[in-house]
Each structure stands twice: as C-alpha cells, then as structure tokens.
C-alpha cells in the first residue's frame, strides 16, 4: 500500500474517531487544525490511546502522535505497519 493510500485510510478513520470521542460536528478541515490536548477538557488521552490500538502502534510512540489532528494523521501513516498480520483486513471495509 502506498503512502497516499495509507494517509487516506488513516485520515478517514481518525476523523471518525475524533467525532465519536468529542461529539463534534465540524467540517473535516476544521477538525484537522484542532489540537485535542489543548482544546478538549477530557477524553483526549482515550482518543490517542484508541489510535495506538487501532493502528497497532506501540505506546512508546504516544508523544509523537499528539498534536494537531492533521499532524497525527501524518505520523500515524508513517508508524502504521501494514505488514502486520490482518492489519489491512481491519480496514478493508473503510476502503470501499
């Protein structure tokens, strides 16, 4: 899977996860510029931990994925190892 495809999948899923965790109805572009840690009073740790779980990223990378949503997407796309068993199968339904 190329980098562009990985970023598309990561973006779609992180935006959905953000909306679920913070119950927001902002546009994608507005969400991309939000820093959950600075702009949310609660749930931001659960949000980042969910990202680690979903994309099979080690907890040691937690600090590197925090920041604005758009920066998180880029870093997660870099860290997400699609060679893990069944990792691509997890997101097949999102790619359709």
PDB file of N, CA and C in Angstrom:
ATOM      1  N   UNK A   1       0.859  -1.171   0.000  1.00  0.00           N
ATOM      2  CA  UNK A   1       0.000   0.000   0.000  1.00  0.00           C
ATOM      3  C   UNK A   1       0.906   1.235   0.000  1.00  0.00           C
ATOM      4  N   UNK A   2       0.643   2.175  -0.880  1.00  0.00           N
ATOM      5  CA  UNK A   2       1.491   3.358  -0.947  1.00  0.00           C
ATOM      6  C   UNK A   2       1.128   4.375   0.150  1.00  0.00           C
ATOM      7  N   UNK A   3       1.983   5.357   0.330  1.00  0.00           N
ATOM      8  CA  UNK A   3       1.828   6.349   1.396  1.00  0.00           C
ATOM      9  C   UNK A   3       0.529   7.134   1.270  1.00  0.00           C
ATOM     10  N   UNK A   4       0.156   7.505   0.073  1.00  0.00           N
ATOM     11  CA  UNK A   4      -1.068   8.273  -0.135  1.00  0.00           C
ATOM     12  C   UNK A   4      -2.297   7.483   0.303  1.00  0.00           C
ATOM     13  N   UNK A   5      -2.322   6.210  -0.036  1.00  0.00           N
ATOM     14  CA  UNK A   5      -3.445   5.361   0.350  1.00  0.00           C
ATOM     15  C   UNK A   5      -3.487   5.171   1.861  1.00  0.00           C
ATOM     16  N   UNK A   6      -2.329   4.980   2.467  1.00  0.00           N
ATOM     17  CA  UNK A   6      -2.270   4.840   3.922  1.00  0.00           C
ATOM     18  C   UNK A   6      -2.797   6.111   4.597  1.00  0.00           C
ATOM     19  N   UNK A   7      -2.361   7.275   4.120  1.00  0.00           N
ATOM     20  CA  UNK A   7      -2.818   8.541   4.710  1.00  0.00           C
ATOM     21  C   UNK A   7      -4.321   8.714   4.534  1.00  0.00           C
ATOM     22  N   UNK A   8      -4.864   8.309   3.406  1.00  0.00           N
ATOM     23  CA  UNK A   8      -6.304   8.422   3.180  1.00  0.00           C
ATOM     24  C   UNK A   8      -7.072   7.561   4.180  1.00  0.00           C
ATOM     25  N   UNK A   9      -6.619   6.346   4.378  1.00  0.00           N
ATOM     26  CA  UNK A   9      -7.275   5.441   5.320  1.00  0.00           C
ATOM     27  C   UNK A   9      -7.146   5.962   6.746  1.00  0.00           C
ATOM     28  N   UNK A  10      -5.947   6.380   7.113  1.00  0.00           N
ATOM     29  CA  UNK A  10      -5.714   6.902   8.460  1.00  0.00           C
ATOM     30  C   UNK A  10      -6.572   8.148   8.689  1.00  0.00           C
ATOM     31  N   UNK A  11      -6.597   9.055   7.729  1.00  0.00           N
ATOM     32  CA  UNK A  11      -7.376  10.285   7.870  1.00  0.00           C
ATOM     33  C   UNK A  11      -8.857   9.987   8.084  1.00  0.00           C
ATOM     34  N   UNK A  12      -9.406   9.137   7.253  1.00  0.00           N
ATOM     35  CA  UNK A  12     -10.829   8.812   7.357  1.00  0.00           C
ATOM     36  C   UNK A  12     -11.165   8.247   8.730  1.00  0.00           C
ATOM     37  N   UNK A  13     -10.341   7.344   9.217  1.00  0.00           N
ATOM     38  CA  UNK A  13     -10.607   6.695  10.485  1.00  0.00           C
ATOM     39  C   UNK A  13     -10.341   7.596  11.684  1.00  0.00           C
ATOM     40  N   UNK A  14      -9.319   8.418  11.616  1.00  0.00           N
ATOM     41  CA  UNK A  14      -9.035   9.332  12.731  1.00  0.00           C
ATOM     42  C   UNK A  14     -10.115  10.408  12.816  1.00  0.00           C
ATOM     43  N   UNK A  15     -10.581  10.921  11.698  1.00  0.00           N
ATOM     44  CA  UNK A  15     -11.656  11.911  11.737  1.00  0.00           C
ATOM     45  C   UNK A  15     -12.915  11.311  12.364  1.00  0.00           C
ATOM     46  N   UNK A  16     -13.232  10.080  11.991  1.00  0.00           N
ATOM     47  CA  UNK A  16     -14.395   9.405  12.569  1.00  0.00           C
ATOM     48  C   UNK A  16     -14.195   9.168  14.069  1.00  0.00           C
ATOM     49  N   UNK A  17     -13.024   8.739  14.439  1.00  0.00           N
ATOM     50  CA  UNK A  17     -12.709   8.519  15.851  1.00  0.00           C
ATOM     51  C   UNK A  17     -12.793   9.823  16.640  1.00  0.00           C
ATOM     52  N   UNK A  18     -12.300  10.904  16.058  1.00  0.00           N
ATOM     53  CA  UNK A  18     -12.364  12.211  16.723  1.00  0.00           C
ATOM     54  C   UNK A  18     -13.816  12.616  16.960  1.00  0.00           C
ATOM     55  N   UNK A  19     -14.630  12.466  15.934  1.00  0.00           N
ATOM     56  CA  UNK A  19     -16.052  12.832  16.072  1.00  0.00           C
ATOM     57  C   UNK A  19     -16.734  11.996  17.161  1.00  0.00           C
ATOM     58  N   UNK A  20     -16.404  10.723  17.219  1.00  0.00           N
ATOM     59  CA  UNK A  20     -17.006   9.849  18.227  1.00  0.00           C
ATOM     60  C   UNK A  20     -16.550  10.217  19.641  1.00  0.00           C
ATOM     61  N   UNK A  21     -15.276  10.525  19.804  1.00  0.00           N
ATOM     62  CA  UNK A  21     -14.737  10.821  21.127  1.00  0.00           C
ATOM     63  C   UNK A  21     -15.155  12.185  21.646  1.00  0.00           C
ATOM     64  N   UNK A  22     -15.320  13.141  20.753  1.00  0.00           N
ATOM     65  CA  UNK A  22     -15.593  14.510  21.187  1.00  0.00           C
ATOM     66  C   UNK A  22     -16.961  15.017  20.756  1.00  0.00           C
ATOM     67  N   UNK A  23     -17.719  14.184  20.070  1.00  0.00           N
ATOM     68  CA  UNK A  23     -19.076  14.525  19.665  1.00  0.00           C
ATOM     69  C   UNK A  23     -19.145  15.915  19.013  1.00  0.00           C
ATOM     70  N   UNK A  24     -18.334  16.104  17.985  1.00  0.00           N
ATOM     71  CA  UNK A  24     -18.303  17.371  17.260  1.00  0.00           C
ATOM     72  C   UNK A  24     -18.943  17.207  15.892  1.00  0.00           C
ATOM     73  N   UNK A  25     -19.350  18.299  15.333  1.00  0.00           N
ATOM     74  CA  UNK A  25     -19.976  18.281  14.016  1.00  0.00           C
ATOM     75  C   UNK A  25     -19.294  19.280  13.084  1.00  0.00           C
ATOM     76  N   UNK A  26     -18.015  19.516  13.324  1.00  0.00           N
ATOM     77  CA  UNK A  26     -17.256  20.437  12.496  1.00  0.00           C
ATOM     78  C   UNK A  26     -16.879  19.764  11.174  1.00  0.00           C
ATOM     79  N   UNK A  27     -16.464  20.576  10.220  1.00  0.00           N
ATOM     80  CA  UNK A  27     -16.028  20.042   8.937  1.00  0.00           C
ATOM     81  C   UNK A  27     -14.684  19.330   9.113  1.00  0.00           C
ATOM     82  N   UNK A  28     -14.339  18.516   8.149  1.00  0.00           N
ATOM     83  CA  UNK A  28     -13.053  17.825   8.189  1.00  0.00           C
ATOM     84  C   UNK A  28     -11.904  18.819   8.298  1.00  0.00           C
ATOM     85  N   UNK A  29     -11.942  19.875   7.500  1.00  0.00           N
ATOM     86  CA  UNK A  29     -10.869  20.874   7.523  1.00  0.00           C
ATOM     87  C   UNK A  29     -10.739  21.549   8.884  1.00  0.00           C
ATOM     88  N   UNK A  30     -11.856  21.815   9.525  1.00  0.00           N
ATOM     89  CA  UNK A  30     -11.815  22.422  10.862  1.00  0.00           C
ATOM     90  C   UNK A  30     -11.221  21.446  11.874  1.00  0.00           C
ATOM     91  N   UNK A  31     -11.602  20.197  11.789  1.00  0.00           N
ATOM     92  CA  UNK A  31     -11.086  19.192  12.720  1.00  0.00           C
ATOM     93  C   UNK A  31      -9.588  18.991  12.524  1.00  0.00           C
ATOM     94  N   UNK A  32      -9.125  19.010  11.289  1.00  0.00           N
ATOM     95  CA  UNK A  32      -7.706  18.789  11.013  1.00  0.00           C
ATOM     96  C   UNK A  32      -6.800  19.791  11.727  1.00  0.00           C
ATOM     97  N   UNK A  33      -7.299  20.975  12.001  1.00  0.00           N
ATOM     98  CA  UNK A  33      -6.494  22.012  12.647  1.00  0.00           C
ATOM     99  C   UNK A  33      -6.681  22.096  14.158  1.00  0.00           C
ATOM    100  N   UNK A  34      -7.390  21.144  14.730  1.00  0.00           N
ATOM    101  CA  UNK A  34      -7.627  21.121  16.172  1.00  0.00           C
ATOM    102  C   UNK A  34      -6.520  20.328  16.855  1.00  0.00           C
ATOM    103  N   UNK A  35      -6.096  20.799  18.019  1.00  0.00           N
ATOM    104  CA  UNK A  35      -5.183  20.057  18.874  1.00  0.00           C
ATOM    105  C   UNK A  35      -6.009  19.544  20.050  1.00  0.00           C
ATOM    106  N   UNK A  36      -6.401  18.270  20.041  1.00  0.00           N
ATOM    107  CA  UNK A  36      -7.289  17.747  21.086  1.00  0.00           C
ATOM    108  C   UNK A  36      -6.772  17.965  22.500  1.00  0.00           C
ATOM    109  N   UNK A  37      -5.477  17.858  22.687  1.00  0.00           N
ATOM    110  CA  UNK A  37      -4.890  18.014  24.022  1.00  0.00           C
ATOM    111  C   UNK A  37      -5.085  19.431  24.543  1.00  0.00           C
ATOM    112  N   UNK A  38      -5.012  20.415  23.678  1.00  0.00           N
ATOM    113  CA  UNK A  38      -5.130  21.813  24.087  1.00  0.00           C
ATOM    114  C   UNK A  38      -6.567  22.320  24.076  1.00  0.00           C
ATOM    115  N   UNK A  39      -7.399  21.756  23.214  1.00  0.00           N
ATOM    116  CA  UNK A  39      -8.739  22.302  23.023  1.00  0.00           C
ATOM    117  C   UNK A  39      -9.858  21.466  23.631  1.00  0.00           C
ATOM    118  N   UNK A  40      -9.507  20.331  24.221  1.00  0.00           N
ATOM    119  CA  UNK A  40     -10.526  19.479  24.816  1.00  0.00           C
ATOM    120  C   UNK A  40     -10.207  19.269  26.290  1.00  0.00           C
ATOM    121  N   UNK A  41     -11.230  19.353  27.096  1.00  0.00           N
ATOM    122  CA  UNK A  41     -11.019  19.209  28.518  1.00  0.00           C
ATOM    123  C   UNK A  41     -10.936  17.752  28.952  1.00  0.00           C
ATOM    124  N   UNK A  42     -11.506  16.857  28.174  1.00  0.00           N
ATOM    125  CA  UNK A  42     -11.498  15.449  28.550  1.00  0.00           C
ATOM    126  C   UNK A  42     -11.408  14.565  27.323  1.00  0.00           C
ATOM    127  N   UNK A  43     -11.185  13.305  27.548  1.00  0.00           N
ATOM    128  CA  UNK A  43     -11.162  12.268  26.515  1.00  0.00           C
ATOM    129  C   UNK A  43      -9.960  12.292  25.585  1.00  0.00           C
ATOM    130  N   UNK A  44      -9.121  13.301  25.630  1.00  0.00           N
ATOM    131  CA  UNK A  44      -8.056  13.337  24.636  1.00  0.00           C
ATOM    132  C   UNK A  44      -7.071  12.175  24.814  1.00  0.00           C
ATOM    133  N   UNK A  45      -6.837  11.724  26.032  1.00  0.00           N
ATOM    134  CA  UNK A  45      -5.935  10.589  26.239  1.00  0.00           C
ATOM    135  C   UNK A  45      -6.551   9.316  25.664  1.00  0.00           C
ATOM    136  N   UNK A  46      -7.831   9.119  25.910  1.00  0.00           N
ATOM    137  CA  UNK A  46      -8.519   7.946  25.351  1.00  0.00           C
ATOM    138  C   UNK A  46      -8.489   7.977  23.810  1.00  0.00           C
ATOM    139  N   UNK A  47      -8.634   9.158  23.250  1.00  0.00           N
ATOM    140  CA  UNK A  47      -8.585   9.331  21.789  1.00  0.00           C
ATOM    141  C   UNK A  47      -7.237   8.860  21.240  1.00  0.00           C
ATOM    142  N   UNK A  48      -6.140   9.336  21.835  1.00  0.00           N
ATOM    143  CA  UNK A  48      -4.820   8.941  21.357  1.00  0.00           C
ATOM    144  C   UNK A  48      -4.541   7.461  21.622  1.00  0.00           C
ATOM    145  N   UNK A  49      -4.973   6.948  22.757  1.00  0.00           N
ATOM    146  CA  UNK A  49      -4.788   5.527  23.055  1.00  0.00           C
ATOM    147  C   UNK A  49      -5.573   4.662  22.069  1.00  0.00           C
ATOM    148  N   UNK A  50      -6.739   5.116  21.662  1.00  0.00           N
ATOM    149  CA  UNK A  50      -7.526   4.383  20.666  1.00  0.00           C
ATOM    150  C   UNK A  50      -6.787   4.320  19.338  1.00  0.00           C
ATOM    151  N   UNK A  51      -6.140   5.410  18.977  1.00  0.00           N
ATOM    152  CA  UNK A  51      -5.365   5.436  17.731  1.00  0.00           C
ATOM    153  C   UNK A  51      -4.240   4.406  17.795  1.00  0.00           C
ATOM    154  N   UNK A  52      -3.544   4.355  18.938  1.00  0.00           N
ATOM    155  CA  UNK A  52      -2.472   3.372  19.090  1.00  0.00           C
ATOM    156  C   UNK A  52      -3.009   1.957  18.924  1.00  0.00           C
ATOM    157  N   UNK A  53      -4.149   1.682  19.538  1.00  0.00           N
ATOM    158  CA  UNK A  53      -4.746   0.348  19.463  1.00  0.00           C
ATOM    159  C   UNK A  53      -5.201  -0.003  18.053  1.00  0.00           C
ATOM    160  N   UNK A  54      -5.892   0.903  17.426  1.00  0.00           N
ATOM    161  CA  UNK A  54      -6.446   0.647  16.095  1.00  0.00           C
ATOM    162  C   UNK A  54      -5.362   0.370  15.062  1.00  0.00           C
ATOM    163  N   UNK A  55      -4.290   1.154  15.121  1.00  0.00           N
ATOM    164  CA  UNK A  55      -3.246   1.043  14.098  1.00  0.00           C
ATOM    165  C   UNK A  55      -2.046   0.211  14.557  1.00  0.00           C
ATOM    166  N   UNK A  56      -2.197  -0.487  15.691  1.00  0.00           N
ATOM    167  CA  UNK A  56      -1.140  -1.377  16.195  1.00  0.00           C
ATOM    168  C   UNK A  56       0.200  -0.657  16.329  1.00  0.00           C
ATOM    169  N   UNK A  57       0.155   0.496  16.984  1.00  0.00           N
ATOM    170  CA  UNK A  57       1.357   1.297  17.208  1.00  0.00           C
ATOM    171  C   UNK A  57       1.723   1.173  18.678  1.00  0.00           C
ATOM    172  N   UNK A  58       3.008   0.992  18.948  1.00  0.00           N
ATOM    173  CA  UNK A  58       3.486   0.826  20.321  1.00  0.00           C
ATOM    174  C   UNK A  58       3.263   2.098  21.133  1.00  0.00           C
ATOM    175  N   UNK A  59       2.991   1.910  22.426  1.00  0.00           N
ATOM    176  CA  UNK A  59       2.696   3.035  23.319  1.00  0.00           C
ATOM    177  C   UNK A  59       3.868   4.015  23.427  1.00  0.00           C
ATOM    178  N   UNK A  60       5.070   3.547  23.175  1.00  0.00           N
ATOM    179  CA  UNK A  60       6.242   4.423  23.239  1.00  0.00           C
ATOM    180  C   UNK A  60       6.158   5.573  22.223  1.00  0.00           C
ATOM    181  N   UNK A  61       5.279   5.452  21.225  1.00  0.00           N
ATOM    182  CA  UNK A  61       5.126   6.486  20.199  1.00  0.00           C
ATOM    183  C   UNK A  61       4.011   7.483  20.526  1.00  0.00           C
ATOM    184  N   UNK A  62       3.401   7.348  21.700  1.00  0.00           N
ATOM    185  CA  UNK A  62       2.271   8.213  22.059  1.00  0.00           C
ATOM    186  C   UNK A  62       2.620   9.690  21.932  1.00  0.00           C
ATOM    187  N   UNK A  63       3.756  10.106  22.455  1.00  0.00           N
ATOM    188  CA  UNK A  63       4.137  11.519  22.385  1.00  0.00           C
ATOM    189  C   UNK A  63       4.318  12.010  20.953  1.00  0.00           C
ATOM    190  N   UNK A  64       4.738  11.130  20.069  1.00  0.00           N
ATOM    191  CA  UNK A  64       4.980  11.561  18.688  1.00  0.00           C
ATOM    192  C   UNK A  64       3.703  11.701  17.871  1.00  0.00           C
ATOM    193  N   UNK A  65       2.585  11.132  18.342  1.00  0.00           N
ATOM    194  CA  UNK A  65       1.335  11.261  17.580  1.00  0.00           C
ATOM    195  C   UNK A  65       0.414  12.341  18.142  1.00  0.00           C
ATOM    196  N   UNK A  66       0.793  12.962  19.244  1.00  0.00           N
ATOM    197  CA  UNK A  66      -0.047  14.029  19.791  1.00  0.00           C
ATOM    198  C   UNK A  66       0.207  15.315  19.022  1.00  0.00           C
ATOM    199  N   UNK A  67      -0.728  16.219  19.100  1.00  0.00           N
ATOM    200  CA  UNK A  67      -0.642  17.475  18.374  1.00  0.00           C
ATOM    201  C   UNK A  67      -1.911  17.680  17.566  1.00  0.00           C
ATOM    202  N   UNK A  68      -1.836  18.538  16.568  1.00  0.00           N
ATOM    203  CA  UNK A  68      -2.999  18.778  15.717  1.00  0.00           C
ATOM    204  C   UNK A  68      -3.404  17.486  15.014  1.00  0.00           C
ATOM    205  N   UNK A  69      -4.669  17.355  14.727  1.00  0.00           N
ATOM    206  CA  UNK A  69      -5.189  16.141  14.096  1.00  0.00           C
ATOM    207  C   UNK A  69      -4.458  15.862  12.791  1.00  0.00           C
ATOM    208  N   UNK A  70      -4.197  16.891  11.989  1.00  0.00           N
ATOM    209  CA  UNK A  70      -3.517  16.669  10.707  1.00  0.00           C
ATOM    210  C   UNK A  70      -2.100  16.147  10.893  1.00  0.00           C
ATOM    211  N   UNK A  71      -1.419  16.573  11.965  1.00  0.00           N
ATOM    212  CA  UNK A  71      -0.073  16.076  12.241  1.00  0.00           C
ATOM    213  C   UNK A  71      -0.125  14.631  12.735  1.00  0.00           C
ATOM    214  N   UNK A  72      -1.144  14.324  13.507  1.00  0.00           N
ATOM    215  CA  UNK A  72      -1.342  12.959  13.993  1.00  0.00           C
ATOM    216  C   UNK A  72      -1.535  12.014  12.810  1.00  0.00           C
ATOM    217  N   UNK A  73      -2.317  12.421  11.845  1.00  0.00           N
ATOM    218  CA  UNK A  73      -2.581  11.582  10.669  1.00  0.00           C
ATOM    219  C   UNK A  73      -1.283  11.254   9.940  1.00  0.00           C
ATOM    220  N   UNK A  74      -0.456  12.252   9.714  1.00  0.00           N
ATOM    221  CA  UNK A  74       0.809  12.021   9.004  1.00  0.00           C
ATOM    222  C   UNK A  74       1.725  11.078   9.788  1.00  0.00           C
ATOM    223  N   UNK A  75       1.824  11.307  11.091  1.00  0.00           N
ATOM    224  CA  UNK A  75       2.714  10.475  11.897  1.00  0.00           C
ATOM    225  C   UNK A  75       2.187   9.047  11.990  1.00  0.00           C
ATOM    226  N   UNK A  76       0.883   8.873  12.165  1.00  0.00           N
ATOM    227  CA  UNK A  76       0.306   7.532  12.244  1.00  0.00           C
ATOM    228  C   UNK A  76       0.519   6.796  10.915  1.00  0.00           C
ATOM    229  N   UNK A  77       0.365   7.479   9.804  1.00  0.00           N
ATOM    230  CA  UNK A  77       0.590   6.845   8.499  1.00  0.00           C
ATOM    231  C   UNK A  77       2.033   6.354   8.379  1.00  0.00           C
ATOM    232  N   UNK A  78       2.965   7.086   8.963  1.00  0.00           N
ATOM    233  CA  UNK A  78       4.370   6.665   8.952  1.00  0.00           C
ATOM    234  C   UNK A  78       4.600   5.452   9.856  1.00  0.00           C
ATOM    235  N   UNK A  79       3.957   5.460  11.020  1.00  0.00           N
ATOM    236  CA  UNK A  79       4.186   4.415  12.017  1.00  0.00           C
ATOM    237  C   UNK A  79       3.382   3.143  11.772  1.00  0.00           C
ATOM    238  N   UNK A  80       2.268   3.277  11.070  1.00  0.00           N
ATOM    239  CA  UNK A  80       1.375   2.150  10.859  1.00  0.00           C
ATOM    240  C   UNK A  80       2.035   1.120   9.956  1.00  0.00           C
ATOM    241  N   UNK A  81       2.317  -0.027  10.506  1.00  0.00           N
ATOM    242  CA  UNK A  81       2.960  -1.101   9.747  1.00  0.00           C
ATOM    243  C   UNK A  81       1.885  -1.989   9.137  1.00  0.00           C
ATOM    244  N   UNK A  82       1.634  -1.820   7.876  1.00  0.00           N
ATOM    245  CA  UNK A  82       0.583  -2.596   7.213  1.00  0.00           C
ATOM    246  C   UNK A  82       1.014  -4.029   6.957  1.00  0.00           C
ATOM    247  N   UNK A  83       2.241  -4.365   7.312  1.00  0.00           N
ATOM    248  CA  UNK A  83       2.709  -5.731   7.113  1.00  0.00           C
ATOM    249  C   UNK A  83       2.321  -6.635   8.269  1.00  0.00           C
ATOM    250  N   UNK A  84       1.713  -6.087   9.310  1.00  0.00           N
ATOM    251  CA  UNK A  84       1.259  -6.918  10.416  1.00  0.00           C
ATOM    252  C   UNK A  84       0.177  -7.869   9.937  1.00  0.00           C
ATOM    253  N   UNK A  85       0.123  -9.060  10.498  1.00  0.00           N
ATOM    254  CA  UNK A  85      -0.941  -9.992  10.096  1.00  0.00           C
ATOM    255  C   UNK A  85      -2.317  -9.371  10.302  1.00  0.00           C
ATOM    256  N   UNK A  86      -3.133  -9.439   9.290  1.00  0.00           N
ATOM    257  CA  UNK A  86      -4.520  -8.956   9.321  1.00  0.00           C
ATOM    258  C   UNK A  86      -4.667  -7.446   9.467  1.00  0.00           C
ATOM    259  N   UNK A  87      -3.590  -6.686   9.451  1.00  0.00           N
ATOM    260  CA  UNK A  87      -3.738  -5.243   9.649  1.00  0.00           C
ATOM    261  C   UNK A  87      -4.518  -4.599   8.510  1.00  0.00           C
ATOM    262  N   UNK A  88      -4.302  -5.002   7.274  1.00  0.00           N
ATOM    263  CA  UNK A  88      -5.052  -4.409   6.179  1.00  0.00           C
ATOM    264  C   UNK A  88      -6.492  -4.903   6.170  1.00  0.00           C
ATOM    265  N   UNK A  89      -6.717  -6.113   6.642  1.00  0.00           N
ATOM    266  CA  UNK A  89      -8.074  -6.652   6.691  1.00  0.00           C
ATOM    267  C   UNK A  89      -8.951  -5.834   7.634  1.00  0.00           C
ATOM    268  N   UNK A  90      -8.344  -5.291   8.664  1.00  0.00           N
ATOM    269  CA  UNK A  90      -9.087  -4.483   9.628  1.00  0.00           C
ATOM    270  C   UNK A  90      -9.762  -3.303   8.948  1.00  0.00           C
ATOM    271  N   UNK A  91      -9.130  -2.753   7.917  1.00  0.00           N
ATOM    272  CA  UNK A  91      -9.634  -1.530   7.298  1.00  0.00           C
ATOM    273  C   UNK A  91     -10.240  -1.753   5.928  1.00  0.00           C
ATOM    274  N   UNK A  92     -10.371  -3.003   5.489  1.00  0.00           N
ATOM    275  CA  UNK A  92     -10.955  -3.262   4.171  1.00  0.00           C
ATOM    276  C   UNK A  92     -12.320  -2.622   4.017  1.00  0.00           C
ATOM    277  N   UNK A  93     -13.147  -2.660   5.033  1.00  0.00           N
ATOM    278  CA  UNK A  93     -14.485  -2.080   4.923  1.00  0.00           C
ATOM    279  C   UNK A  93     -14.423  -0.567   4.795  1.00  0.00           C
ATOM    280  N   UNK A  94     -13.370   0.074   5.298  1.00  0.00           N
ATOM    281  CA  UNK A  94     -13.217   1.520   5.195  1.00  0.00           C
ATOM    282  C   UNK A  94     -12.750   1.946   3.811  1.00  0.00           C
ATOM    283  N   UNK A  95     -12.103   1.045   3.096  1.00  0.00           N
ATOM    284  CA  UNK A  95     -11.535   1.399   1.803  1.00  0.00           C
ATOM    285  C   UNK A  95     -12.570   1.373   0.694  1.00  0.00           C
ATOM    286  N   UNK A  96     -13.712   0.807   0.933  1.00  0.00           N
ATOM    287  CA  UNK A  96     -14.715   0.665  -0.125  1.00  0.00           C
ATOM    288  C   UNK A  96     -15.483   1.925  -0.354  1.00  0.00           C
TER     289      UNK A  96
END
